[in-house]
Amino acid sequence: MPKPESAGLAPADALQDASGDVAEATDQVAEAHVPPKKRTGRKPAATDFELRAIARTARLGRDGRASSRHIETAVRTRGLSIGRDRRDKITRQVQAELDSGRADAA
């Protein structure tokens, strides 16, 4: 590996100021501008409450369970979009409602 002097680089001790302190020079460096974080993806077309209401009207799947496919079809039939994560979350919530309803009936 070439020595820093031979590669046209200054030796490490040449970067220090006369007092031998490198940290003082960094006090004069401006802080980098960090842009605010932007939301990724599209704005939701419907609230979770609206999606749950639509999901409750969807056909049930095998063994009377909430079906993510049927829920997605019901949502898209109404001209709304739904991503996989939200669809799965809504499906779990509707299934939990079905399970609690069955427990109350028993």
PDB file of N, CA and C in Angstrom:
ATOM      1  N   MET A   1       0.860  -1.172   0.000  1.00  0.00           N
ATOM      2  CA  MET A   1       0.000   0.000   0.000  1.00  0.00           C
ATOM      3  C   MET A   1       0.898   1.223   0.000  1.00  0.00           C
ATOM      4  N   PRO A   2       0.612   2.237  -0.859  1.00  0.00           N
ATOM      5  CA  PRO A   2       1.493   3.397  -0.938  1.00  0.00           C
ATOM      6  C   PRO A   2       1.373   4.255   0.307  1.00  0.00           C
ATOM      7  N   LYS A   3       2.459   4.908   0.644  1.00  0.00           N
ATOM      8  CA  LYS A   3       2.458   5.815   1.789  1.00  0.00           C
ATOM      9  C   LYS A   3       1.661   7.058   1.422  1.00  0.00           C
ATOM     10  N   PRO A   4       1.000   7.729   2.388  1.00  0.00           N
ATOM     11  CA  PRO A   4       0.206   8.909   2.096  1.00  0.00           C
ATOM     12  C   PRO A   4       1.013  10.003   1.406  1.00  0.00           C
ATOM     13  N   GLU A   5       2.297  10.133   1.774  1.00  0.00           N
ATOM     14  CA  GLU A   5       3.112  11.183   1.162  1.00  0.00           C
ATOM     15  C   GLU A   5       3.295  10.914  -0.329  1.00  0.00           C
ATOM     16  N   SER A   6       3.466   9.631  -0.702  1.00  0.00           N
ATOM     17  CA  SER A   6       3.713   9.300  -2.094  1.00  0.00           C
ATOM     18  C   SER A   6       2.430   9.375  -2.926  1.00  0.00           C
ATOM     19  N   ALA A   7       1.270   9.307  -2.301  1.00  0.00           N
ATOM     20  CA  ALA A   7       0.001   9.374  -3.023  1.00  0.00           C
ATOM     21  C   ALA A   7      -0.484  10.804  -3.155  1.00  0.00           C
ATOM     22  N   GLY A   8       0.321  11.777  -2.707  1.00  0.00           N
ATOM     23  CA  GLY A   8      -0.082  13.169  -2.806  1.00  0.00           C
ATOM     24  C   GLY A   8      -0.934  13.620  -1.633  1.00  0.00           C
ATOM     25  N   LEU A   9      -0.999  12.826  -0.581  1.00  0.00           N
ATOM     26  CA  LEU A   9      -1.787  13.169   0.598  1.00  0.00           C
ATOM     27  C   LEU A   9      -0.866  13.698   1.685  1.00  0.00           C
ATOM     28  N   ALA A  10      -1.423  14.579   2.481  1.00  0.00           N
ATOM     29  CA  ALA A  10      -0.634  15.128   3.585  1.00  0.00           C
ATOM     30  C   ALA A  10      -0.592  14.124   4.718  1.00  0.00           C
ATOM     31  N   PRO A  11       0.526  14.056   5.415  1.00  0.00           N
ATOM     32  CA  PRO A  11       0.577  13.162   6.571  1.00  0.00           C
ATOM     33  C   PRO A  11      -0.400  13.638   7.640  1.00  0.00           C
ATOM     34  N   ALA A  12      -0.867  12.706   8.478  1.00  0.00           N
ATOM     35  CA  ALA A  12      -1.876  13.007   9.487  1.00  0.00           C
ATOM     36  C   ALA A  12      -1.444  14.131  10.416  1.00  0.00           C
ATOM     37  N   ASP A  13      -0.155  14.181  10.801  1.00  0.00           N
ATOM     38  CA  ASP A  13       0.267  15.231  11.719  1.00  0.00           C
ATOM     39  C   ASP A  13       0.309  16.596  11.036  1.00  0.00           C
ATOM     40  N   ALA A  14       0.285  16.652   9.722  1.00  0.00           N
ATOM     41  CA  ALA A  14       0.268  17.931   9.019  1.00  0.00           C
ATOM     42  C   ALA A  14      -1.127  18.542   9.040  1.00  0.00           C
ATOM     43  N   LEU A  15      -2.159  17.733   9.325  1.00  0.00           N
ATOM     44  CA  LEU A  15      -3.523  18.244   9.386  1.00  0.00           C
ATOM     45  C   LEU A  15      -3.816  18.945  10.705  1.00  0.00           C
ATOM     46  N   GLN A  16      -3.015  18.723  11.683  1.00  0.00           N
ATOM     47  CA  GLN A  16      -3.226  19.349  12.979  1.00  0.00           C
ATOM     48  C   GLN A  16      -2.748  20.789  12.938  1.00  0.00           C
ATOM     49  N   ASP A  17      -3.398  21.639  13.726  1.00  0.00           N
ATOM     50  CA  ASP A  17      -2.939  23.026  13.789  1.00  0.00           C
ATOM     51  C   ASP A  17      -1.741  23.117  14.724  1.00  0.00           C
ATOM     52  N   ALA A  18      -1.261  24.307  14.948  1.00  0.00           N
ATOM     53  CA  ALA A  18      -0.043  24.512  15.743  1.00  0.00           C
ATOM     54  C   ALA A  18      -0.196  24.000  17.165  1.00  0.00           C
ATOM     55  N   SER A  19      -1.406  24.043  17.727  1.00  0.00           N
ATOM     56  CA  SER A  19      -1.589  23.579  19.103  1.00  0.00           C
ATOM     57  C   SER A  19      -1.694  22.067  19.184  1.00  0.00           C
ATOM     58  N   GLY A  20      -1.839  21.414  18.035  1.00  0.00           N
ATOM     59  CA  GLY A  20      -1.934  19.957  18.042  1.00  0.00           C
ATOM     60  C   GLY A  20      -3.359  19.463  18.200  1.00  0.00           C
ATOM     61  N   ASP A  21      -4.345  20.389  18.167  1.00  0.00           N
ATOM     62  CA  ASP A  21      -5.740  19.995  18.365  1.00  0.00           C
ATOM     63  C   ASP A  21      -6.484  20.039  17.031  1.00  0.00           C
ATOM     64  N   VAL A  22      -7.044  18.916  16.629  1.00  0.00           N
ATOM     65  CA  VAL A  22      -7.771  18.835  15.371  1.00  0.00           C
ATOM     66  C   VAL A  22      -9.231  19.245  15.580  1.00  0.00           C
ATOM     67  N   ALA A  23      -9.778  19.088  16.769  1.00  0.00           N
ATOM     68  CA  ALA A  23     -11.187  19.327  17.037  1.00  0.00           C
ATOM     69  C   ALA A  23     -11.589  20.786  16.860  1.00  0.00           C
ATOM     70  N   GLU A  24     -10.687  21.720  17.069  1.00  0.00           N
ATOM     71  CA  GLU A  24     -11.055  23.130  16.942  1.00  0.00           C
ATOM     72  C   GLU A  24     -11.492  23.462  15.531  1.00  0.00           C
ATOM     73  N   ALA A  25     -10.894  22.877  14.539  1.00  0.00           N
ATOM     74  CA  ALA A  25     -11.232  23.167  13.151  1.00  0.00           C
ATOM     75  C   ALA A  25     -12.651  22.713  12.812  1.00  0.00           C
ATOM     76  N   THR A  26     -13.150  21.678  13.481  1.00  0.00           N
ATOM     77  CA  THR A  26     -14.487  21.182  13.183  1.00  0.00           C
ATOM     78  C   THR A  26     -15.569  22.077  13.761  1.00  0.00           C
ATOM     79  N   ASP A  27     -15.245  22.959  14.708  1.00  0.00           N
ATOM     80  CA  ASP A  27     -16.231  23.886  15.242  1.00  0.00           C
ATOM     81  C   ASP A  27     -16.690  24.881  14.191  1.00  0.00           C
ATOM     82  N   GLN A  28     -15.908  25.109  13.178  1.00  0.00           N
ATOM     83  CA  GLN A  28     -16.224  26.091  12.159  1.00  0.00           C
ATOM     84  C   GLN A  28     -16.997  25.488  10.983  1.00  0.00           C
ATOM     85  N   VAL A  29     -17.226  24.202  10.982  1.00  0.00           N
ATOM     86  CA  VAL A  29     -17.930  23.529   9.891  1.00  0.00           C
ATOM     87  C   VAL A  29     -19.438  23.697  10.101  1.00  0.00           C
ATOM     88  N   ALA A  30     -20.131  24.126   9.066  1.00  0.00           N
ATOM     89  CA  ALA A  30     -21.582  24.302   9.152  1.00  0.00           C
ATOM     90  C   ALA A  30     -22.257  22.937   9.238  1.00  0.00           C
ATOM     91  N   GLU A  31     -23.379  22.888   9.958  1.00  0.00           N
ATOM     92  CA  GLU A  31     -24.128  21.637  10.074  1.00  0.00           C
ATOM     93  C   GLU A  31     -24.855  21.366   8.763  1.00  0.00           C
ATOM     94  N   ALA A  32     -24.925  20.114   8.413  1.00  0.00           N
ATOM     95  CA  ALA A  32     -25.593  19.721   7.171  1.00  0.00           C
ATOM     96  C   ALA A  32     -27.095  19.917   7.317  1.00  0.00           C
ATOM     97  N   HIS A  33     -27.733  20.379   6.253  1.00  0.00           N
ATOM     98  CA  HIS A  33     -29.184  20.548   6.251  1.00  0.00           C
ATOM     99  C   HIS A  33     -29.836  19.186   6.067  1.00  0.00           C
ATOM    100  N   VAL A  34     -30.713  18.828   6.989  1.00  0.00           N
ATOM    101  CA  VAL A  34     -31.418  17.559   6.910  1.00  0.00           C
ATOM    102  C   VAL A  34     -32.852  17.866   6.510  1.00  0.00           C
ATOM    103  N   PRO A  35     -33.272  17.454   5.322  1.00  0.00           N
ATOM    104  CA  PRO A  35     -34.641  17.742   4.899  1.00  0.00           C
ATOM    105  C   PRO A  35     -35.643  16.961   5.753  1.00  0.00           C
ATOM    106  N   PRO A  36     -36.842  17.487   5.939  1.00  0.00           N
ATOM    107  CA  PRO A  36     -37.838  16.759   6.733  1.00  0.00           C
ATOM    108  C   PRO A  36     -38.209  15.447   6.043  1.00  0.00           C
ATOM    109  N   LYS A  37     -38.536  14.450   6.849  1.00  0.00           N
ATOM    110  CA  LYS A  37     -38.903  13.157   6.284  1.00  0.00           C
ATOM    111  C   LYS A  37     -40.256  13.270   5.606  1.00  0.00           C
ATOM    112  N   LYS A  38     -40.346  12.722   4.417  1.00  0.00           N
ATOM    113  CA  LYS A  38     -41.596  12.735   3.674  1.00  0.00           C
ATOM    114  C   LYS A  38     -42.285  11.388   3.843  1.00  0.00           C
ATOM    115  N   ARG A  39     -43.578  11.426   3.808  1.00  0.00           N
ATOM    116  CA  ARG A  39     -44.352  10.201   3.895  1.00  0.00           C
ATOM    117  C   ARG A  39     -44.135   9.400   2.615  1.00  0.00           C
ATOM    118  N   THR A  40     -43.939   8.117   2.760  1.00  0.00           N
ATOM    119  CA  THR A  40     -43.747   7.273   1.587  1.00  0.00           C
ATOM    120  C   THR A  40     -45.088   6.675   1.178  1.00  0.00           C
ATOM    121  N   GLY A  41     -45.217   6.385  -0.070  1.00  0.00           N
ATOM    122  CA  GLY A  41     -46.442   5.780  -0.565  1.00  0.00           C
ATOM    123  C   GLY A  41     -47.528   6.812  -0.820  1.00  0.00           C
ATOM    124  N   ARG A  42     -48.686   6.308  -1.179  1.00  0.00           N
ATOM    125  CA  ARG A  42     -49.808   7.189  -1.475  1.00  0.00           C
ATOM    126  C   ARG A  42     -50.602   7.511  -0.228  1.00  0.00           C
ATOM    127  N   LYS A  43     -51.347   8.580  -0.309  1.00  0.00           N
ATOM    128  CA  LYS A  43     -52.260   8.928   0.776  1.00  0.00           C
ATOM    129  C   LYS A  43     -53.379   7.883   0.782  1.00  0.00           C
ATOM    130  N   PRO A  44     -53.759   7.376   1.954  1.00  0.00           N
ATOM    131  CA  PRO A  44     -54.819   6.364   1.995  1.00  0.00           C
ATOM    132  C   PRO A  44     -56.114   6.892   1.387  1.00  0.00           C
ATOM    133  N   ALA A  45     -56.777   6.067   0.607  1.00  0.00           N
ATOM    134  CA  ALA A  45     -58.035   6.451  -0.032  1.00  0.00           C
ATOM    135  C   ALA A  45     -59.194   6.377   0.951  1.00  0.00           C
ATOM    136  N   ALA A  46     -59.064   5.566   1.982  1.00  0.00           N
ATOM    137  CA  ALA A  46     -60.126   5.397   2.972  1.00  0.00           C
ATOM    138  C   ALA A  46     -59.493   5.189   4.341  1.00  0.00           C
ATOM    139  N   THR A  47     -60.231   5.549   5.365  1.00  0.00           N
ATOM    140  CA  THR A  47     -59.742   5.348   6.726  1.00  0.00           C
ATOM    141  C   THR A  47     -59.885   3.873   7.102  1.00  0.00           C
ATOM    142  N   ASP A  48     -59.217   3.484   8.166  1.00  0.00           N
ATOM    143  CA  ASP A  48     -59.340   2.105   8.633  1.00  0.00           C
ATOM    144  C   ASP A  48     -60.779   1.804   9.037  1.00  0.00           C
ATOM    145  N   PHE A  49     -61.459   2.797   9.617  1.00  0.00           N
ATOM    146  CA  PHE A  49     -62.854   2.618  10.018  1.00  0.00           C
ATOM    147  C   PHE A  49     -63.712   2.302   8.795  1.00  0.00           C
ATOM    148  N   GLU A  50     -63.518   3.064   7.713  1.00  0.00           N
ATOM    149  CA  GLU A  50     -64.274   2.824   6.480  1.00  0.00           C
ATOM    150  C   GLU A  50     -63.937   1.462   5.887  1.00  0.00           C
ATOM    151  N   LEU A  51     -62.671   1.106   5.914  1.00  0.00           N
ATOM    152  CA  LEU A  51     -62.263  -0.191   5.366  1.00  0.00           C
ATOM    153  C   LEU A  51     -62.845  -1.351   6.169  1.00  0.00           C
ATOM    154  N   ARG A  52     -62.889  -1.194   7.506  1.00  0.00           N
ATOM    155  CA  ARG A  52     -63.489  -2.246   8.335  1.00  0.00           C
ATOM    156  C   ARG A  52     -64.979  -2.392   8.026  1.00  0.00           C
ATOM    157  N   ALA A  53     -65.665  -1.253   7.812  1.00  0.00           N
ATOM    158  CA  ALA A  53     -67.092  -1.303   7.495  1.00  0.00           C
ATOM    159  C   ALA A  53     -67.310  -2.037   6.176  1.00  0.00           C
ATOM    160  N   ILE A  54     -66.468  -1.771   5.203  1.00  0.00           N
ATOM    161  CA  ILE A  54     -66.563  -2.465   3.909  1.00  0.00           C
ATOM    162  C   ILE A  54     -66.225  -3.940   4.089  1.00  0.00           C
ATOM    163  N   ALA A  55     -65.203  -4.224   4.875  1.00  0.00           N
ATOM    164  CA  ALA A  55     -64.752  -5.608   5.079  1.00  0.00           C
ATOM    165  C   ALA A  55     -65.829  -6.449   5.755  1.00  0.00           C
ATOM    166  N   ARG A  56     -66.626  -5.829   6.619  1.00  0.00           N
ATOM    167  CA  ARG A  56     -67.696  -6.582   7.291  1.00  0.00           C
ATOM    168  C   ARG A  56     -68.760  -7.043   6.308  1.00  0.00           C
ATOM    169  N   THR A  57     -68.863  -6.361   5.151  1.00  0.00           N
ATOM    170  CA  THR A  57     -69.858  -6.743   4.148  1.00  0.00           C
ATOM    171  C   THR A  57     -69.326  -7.792   3.179  1.00  0.00           C
ATOM    172  N   ALA A  58     -68.031  -8.058   3.224  1.00  0.00           N
ATOM    173  CA  ALA A  58     -67.422  -9.026   2.299  1.00  0.00           C
ATOM    174  C   ALA A  58     -67.837 -10.446   2.659  1.00  0.00           C
ATOM    175  N   ARG A  59     -67.851 -11.307   1.643  1.00  0.00           N
ATOM    176  CA  ARG A  59     -68.150 -12.720   1.884  1.00  0.00           C
ATOM    177  C   ARG A  59     -67.121 -13.313   2.829  1.00  0.00           C
ATOM    178  N   LEU A  60     -67.534 -14.308   3.559  1.00  0.00           N
ATOM    179  CA  LEU A  60     -66.596 -15.027   4.418  1.00  0.00           C
ATOM    180  C   LEU A  60     -65.893 -16.095   3.594  1.00  0.00           C
ATOM    181  N   GLY A  61     -64.726 -16.466   4.033  1.00  0.00           N
ATOM    182  CA  GLY A  61     -63.948 -17.491   3.346  1.00  0.00           C
ATOM    183  C   GLY A  61     -64.236 -18.864   3.917  1.00  0.00           C
ATOM    184  N   ARG A  62     -63.275 -19.749   3.758  1.00  0.00           N
ATOM    185  CA  ARG A  62     -63.415 -21.118   4.262  1.00  0.00           C
ATOM    186  C   ARG A  62     -63.637 -21.123   5.767  1.00  0.00           C
ATOM    187  N   ASP A  63     -64.460 -22.038   6.199  1.00  0.00           N
ATOM    188  CA  ASP A  63     -64.752 -22.243   7.620  1.00  0.00           C
ATOM    189  C   ASP A  63     -65.295 -20.982   8.282  1.00  0.00           C
ATOM    190  N   GLY A  64     -65.899 -20.096   7.508  1.00  0.00           N
ATOM    191  CA  GLY A  64     -66.513 -18.901   8.082  1.00  0.00           C
ATOM    192  C   GLY A  64     -65.520 -17.872   8.577  1.00  0.00           C
ATOM    193  N   ARG A  65     -64.317 -17.895   8.042  1.00  0.00           N
ATOM    194  CA  ARG A  65     -63.280 -16.953   8.470  1.00  0.00           C
ATOM    195  C   ARG A  65     -63.234 -15.763   7.523  1.00  0.00           C
ATOM    196  N   ALA A  66     -62.703 -14.651   8.018  1.00  0.00           N
ATOM    197  CA  ALA A  66     -62.509 -13.468   7.180  1.00  0.00           C
ATOM    198  C   ALA A  66     -61.480 -13.804   6.110  1.00  0.00           C
ATOM    199  N   SER A  67     -61.774 -13.422   4.882  1.00  0.00           N
ATOM    200  CA  SER A  67     -60.893 -13.731   3.765  1.00  0.00           C
ATOM    201  C   SER A  67     -60.280 -12.443   3.231  1.00  0.00           C
ATOM    202  N   SER A  68     -58.956 -12.386   3.207  1.00  0.00           N
ATOM    203  CA  SER A  68     -58.293 -11.181   2.716  1.00  0.00           C
ATOM    204  C   SER A  68     -58.598 -10.956   1.231  1.00  0.00           C
ATOM    205  N   ARG A  69     -58.750 -12.019   0.479  1.00  0.00           N
ATOM    206  CA  ARG A  69     -59.085 -11.875  -0.944  1.00  0.00           C
ATOM    207  C   ARG A  69     -60.471 -11.271  -1.123  1.00  0.00           C
ATOM    208  N   HIS A  70     -61.441 -11.765  -0.357  1.00  0.00           N
ATOM    209  CA  HIS A  70     -62.798 -11.231  -0.462  1.00  0.00           C
ATOM    210  C   HIS A  70     -62.852  -9.786   0.029  1.00  0.00           C
ATOM    211  N   ILE A  71     -62.089  -9.478   1.064  1.00  0.00           N
ATOM    212  CA  ILE A  71     -62.050  -8.112   1.577  1.00  0.00           C
ATOM    213  C   ILE A  71     -61.440  -7.187   0.535  1.00  0.00           C
ATOM    214  N   GLU A  72     -60.341  -7.602  -0.067  1.00  0.00           N
ATOM    215  CA  GLU A  72     -59.704  -6.781  -1.095  1.00  0.00           C
ATOM    216  C   GLU A  72     -60.647  -6.555  -2.276  1.00  0.00           C
ATOM    217  N   THR A  73     -61.365  -7.592  -2.689  1.00  0.00           N
ATOM    218  CA  THR A  73     -62.317  -7.464  -3.796  1.00  0.00           C
ATOM    219  C   THR A  73     -63.428  -6.478  -3.435  1.00  0.00           C
ATOM    220  N   ALA A  74     -63.939  -6.557  -2.219  1.00  0.00           N
ATOM    221  CA  ALA A  74     -65.009  -5.654  -1.786  1.00  0.00           C
ATOM    222  C   ALA A  74     -64.530  -4.202  -1.782  1.00  0.00           C
ATOM    223  N   VAL A  75     -63.311  -3.977  -1.328  1.00  0.00           N
ATOM    224  CA  VAL A  75     -62.760  -2.621  -1.285  1.00  0.00           C
ATOM    225  C   VAL A  75     -62.557  -2.100  -2.699  1.00  0.00           C
ATOM    226  N   ARG A  76     -61.961  -2.881  -3.559  1.00  0.00           N
ATOM    227  CA  ARG A  76     -61.673  -2.441  -4.931  1.00  0.00           C
ATOM    228  C   ARG A  76     -62.957  -2.263  -5.751  1.00  0.00           C
ATOM    229  N   THR A  77     -63.992  -3.041  -5.452  1.00  0.00           N
ATOM    230  CA  THR A  77     -65.276  -2.889  -6.132  1.00  0.00           C
ATOM    231  C   THR A  77     -65.859  -1.494  -5.878  1.00  0.00           C
ATOM    232  N   ARG A  78     -65.546  -0.941  -4.731  1.00  0.00           N
ATOM    233  CA  ARG A  78     -66.014   0.412  -4.383  1.00  0.00           C
ATOM    234  C   ARG A  78     -65.081   1.501  -4.914  1.00  0.00           C
ATOM    235  N   GLY A  79     -64.106   1.109  -5.724  1.00  0.00           N
ATOM    236  CA  GLY A  79     -63.224   2.085  -6.352  1.00  0.00           C
ATOM    237  C   GLY A  79     -62.117   2.592  -5.445  1.00  0.00           C
ATOM    238  N   LEU A  80     -61.858   1.882  -4.363  1.00  0.00           N
ATOM    239  CA  LEU A  80     -60.798   2.270  -3.428  1.00  0.00           C
ATOM    240  C   LEU A  80     -59.604   1.344  -3.595  1.00  0.00           C
ATOM    241  N   SER A  81     -58.460   1.818  -3.151  1.00  0.00           N
ATOM    242  CA  SER A  81     -57.267   0.972  -3.192  1.00  0.00           C
ATOM    243  C   SER A  81     -56.918   0.567  -1.770  1.00  0.00           C
ATOM    244  N   ILE A  82     -56.232  -0.552  -1.682  1.00  0.00           N
ATOM    245  CA  ILE A  82     -55.786  -1.035  -0.371  1.00  0.00           C
ATOM    246  C   ILE A  82     -54.514  -1.835  -0.595  1.00  0.00           C
ATOM    247  N   GLY A  83     -53.520  -1.555   0.212  1.00  0.00           N
ATOM    248  CA  GLY A  83     -52.261  -2.278   0.119  1.00  0.00           C
ATOM    249  C   GLY A  83     -52.308  -3.566   0.916  1.00  0.00           C
ATOM    250  N   ARG A  84     -51.308  -4.390   0.710  1.00  0.00           N
ATOM    251  CA  ARG A  84     -51.275  -5.687   1.385  1.00  0.00           C
ATOM    252  C   ARG A  84     -51.230  -5.551   2.903  1.00  0.00           C
ATOM    253  N   ASP A  85     -50.407  -4.630   3.409  1.00  0.00           N
ATOM    254  CA  ASP A  85     -50.278  -4.484   4.858  1.00  0.00           C
ATOM    255  C   ASP A  85     -51.593  -4.057   5.498  1.00  0.00           C
ATOM    256  N   ARG A  86     -52.236  -3.067   4.888  1.00  0.00           N
ATOM    257  CA  ARG A  86     -53.521  -2.608   5.437  1.00  0.00           C
ATOM    258  C   ARG A  86     -54.591  -3.687   5.291  1.00  0.00           C
ATOM    259  N   ARG A  87     -54.586  -4.377   4.162  1.00  0.00           N
ATOM    260  CA  ARG A  87     -55.561  -5.453   3.956  1.00  0.00           C
ATOM    261  C   ARG A  87     -55.410  -6.526   5.025  1.00  0.00           C
ATOM    262  N   ASP A  88     -54.166  -6.913   5.295  1.00  0.00           N
ATOM    263  CA  ASP A  88     -53.923  -7.940   6.312  1.00  0.00           C
ATOM    264  C   ASP A  88     -54.328  -7.450   7.699  1.00  0.00           C
ATOM    265  N   LYS A  89     -54.053  -6.174   7.994  1.00  0.00           N
ATOM    266  CA  LYS A  89     -54.433  -5.614   9.299  1.00  0.00           C
ATOM    267  C   LYS A  89     -55.951  -5.607   9.450  1.00  0.00           C
ATOM    268  N   ILE A  90     -56.667  -5.160   8.424  1.00  0.00           N
ATOM    269  CA  ILE A  90     -58.131  -5.112   8.463  1.00  0.00           C
ATOM    270  C   ILE A  90     -58.694  -6.530   8.576  1.00  0.00           C
ATOM    271  N   THR A  91     -58.107  -7.477   7.849  1.00  0.00           N
ATOM    272  CA  THR A  91     -58.560  -8.867   7.912  1.00  0.00           C
ATOM    273  C   THR A  91     -58.424  -9.412   9.333  1.00  0.00           C
ATOM    274  N   ARG A  92     -57.282  -9.133   9.962  1.00  0.00           N
ATOM    275  CA  ARG A  92     -57.088  -9.600  11.353  1.00  0.00           C
ATOM    276  C   ARG A  92     -58.113  -8.967  12.290  1.00  0.00           C
ATOM    277  N   GLN A  93     -58.397  -7.674  12.103  1.00  0.00           N
ATOM    278  CA  GLN A  93     -59.356  -6.993  12.969  1.00  0.00           C
ATOM    279  C   GLN A  93     -60.766  -7.554  12.795  1.00  0.00           C
ATOM    280  N   VAL A  94     -61.158  -7.779  11.549  1.00  0.00           N
ATOM    281  CA  VAL A  94     -62.488  -8.331  11.287  1.00  0.00           C
ATOM    282  C   VAL A  94     -62.581  -9.761  11.829  1.00  0.00           C
ATOM    283  N   GLN A  95     -61.513 -10.533  11.675  1.00  0.00           N
ATOM    284  CA  GLN A  95     -61.522 -11.899  12.210  1.00  0.00           C
ATOM    285  C   GLN A  95     -61.643 -11.875  13.729  1.00  0.00           C
ATOM    286  N   ALA A  96     -60.970 -10.935  14.374  1.00  0.00           N
ATOM    287  CA  ALA A  96     -61.071 -10.817  15.834  1.00  0.00           C
ATOM    288  C   ALA A  96     -62.510 -10.480  16.242  1.00  0.00           C
ATOM    289  N   GLU A  97     -63.174  -9.627  15.455  1.00  0.00           N
ATOM    290  CA  GLU A  97     -64.578  -9.309  15.736  1.00  0.00           C
ATOM    291  C   GLU A  97     -65.454 -10.552  15.574  1.00  0.00           C
ATOM    292  N   LEU A  98     -65.194 -11.316  14.519  1.00  0.00           N
ATOM    293  CA  LEU A  98     -65.952 -12.556  14.307  1.00  0.00           C
ATOM    294  C   LEU A  98     -65.739 -13.531  15.463  1.00  0.00           C
ATOM    295  N   ASP A  99     -64.478 -13.664  15.885  1.00  0.00           N
ATOM    296  CA  ASP A  99     -64.184 -14.586  16.992  1.00  0.00           C
ATOM    297  C   ASP A  99     -64.859 -14.146  18.284  1.00  0.00           C
ATOM    298  N   SER A 100     -64.852 -12.849  18.559  1.00  0.00           N
ATOM    299  CA  SER A 100     -65.482 -12.379  19.802  1.00  0.00           C
ATOM    300  C   SER A 100     -66.997 -12.530  19.727  1.00  0.00           C
ATOM    301  N   GLY A 101     -67.560 -12.372  18.526  1.00  0.00           N
ATOM    302  CA  GLY A 101     -68.998 -12.576  18.356  1.00  0.00           C
ATOM    303  C   GLY A 101     -69.399 -14.021  18.571  1.00  0.00           C
ATOM    304  N   ARG A 102     -68.549 -14.927  18.115  1.00  0.00           N
ATOM    305  CA  ARG A 102     -68.818 -16.345  18.319  1.00  0.00           C
ATOM    306  C   ARG A 102     -68.669 -16.733  19.792  1.00  0.00           C
ATOM    307  N   ALA A 103     -67.724 -16.111  20.475  1.00  0.00           N
ATOM    308  CA  ALA A 103     -67.518 -16.403  21.892  1.00  0.00           C
ATOM    309  C   ALA A 103     -68.722 -15.904  22.703  1.00  0.00           C
ATOM    310  N   ASP A 104     -69.271 -14.753  22.305  1.00  0.00           N
ATOM    311  CA  ASP A 104     -70.437 -14.206  23.017  1.00  0.00           C
ATOM    312  C   ASP A 104     -71.663 -15.077  22.771  1.00  0.00           C
ATOM    313  N   ALA A 105     -71.798 -15.656  21.588  1.00  0.00           N
ATOM    314  CA  ALA A 105     -72.931 -16.477  21.247  1.00  0.00           C
ATOM    315  C   ALA A 105     -72.898 -17.842  21.955  1.00  0.00           C
ATOM    316  N   ALA A 106     -71.718 -18.281  22.313  1.00  0.00           N
ATOM    317  CA  ALA A 106     -71.575 -19.603  22.923  1.00  0.00           C
ATOM    318  C   ALA A 106     -71.917 -19.629  24.374  1.00  0.00           C
TER     319      ALA A 106
END
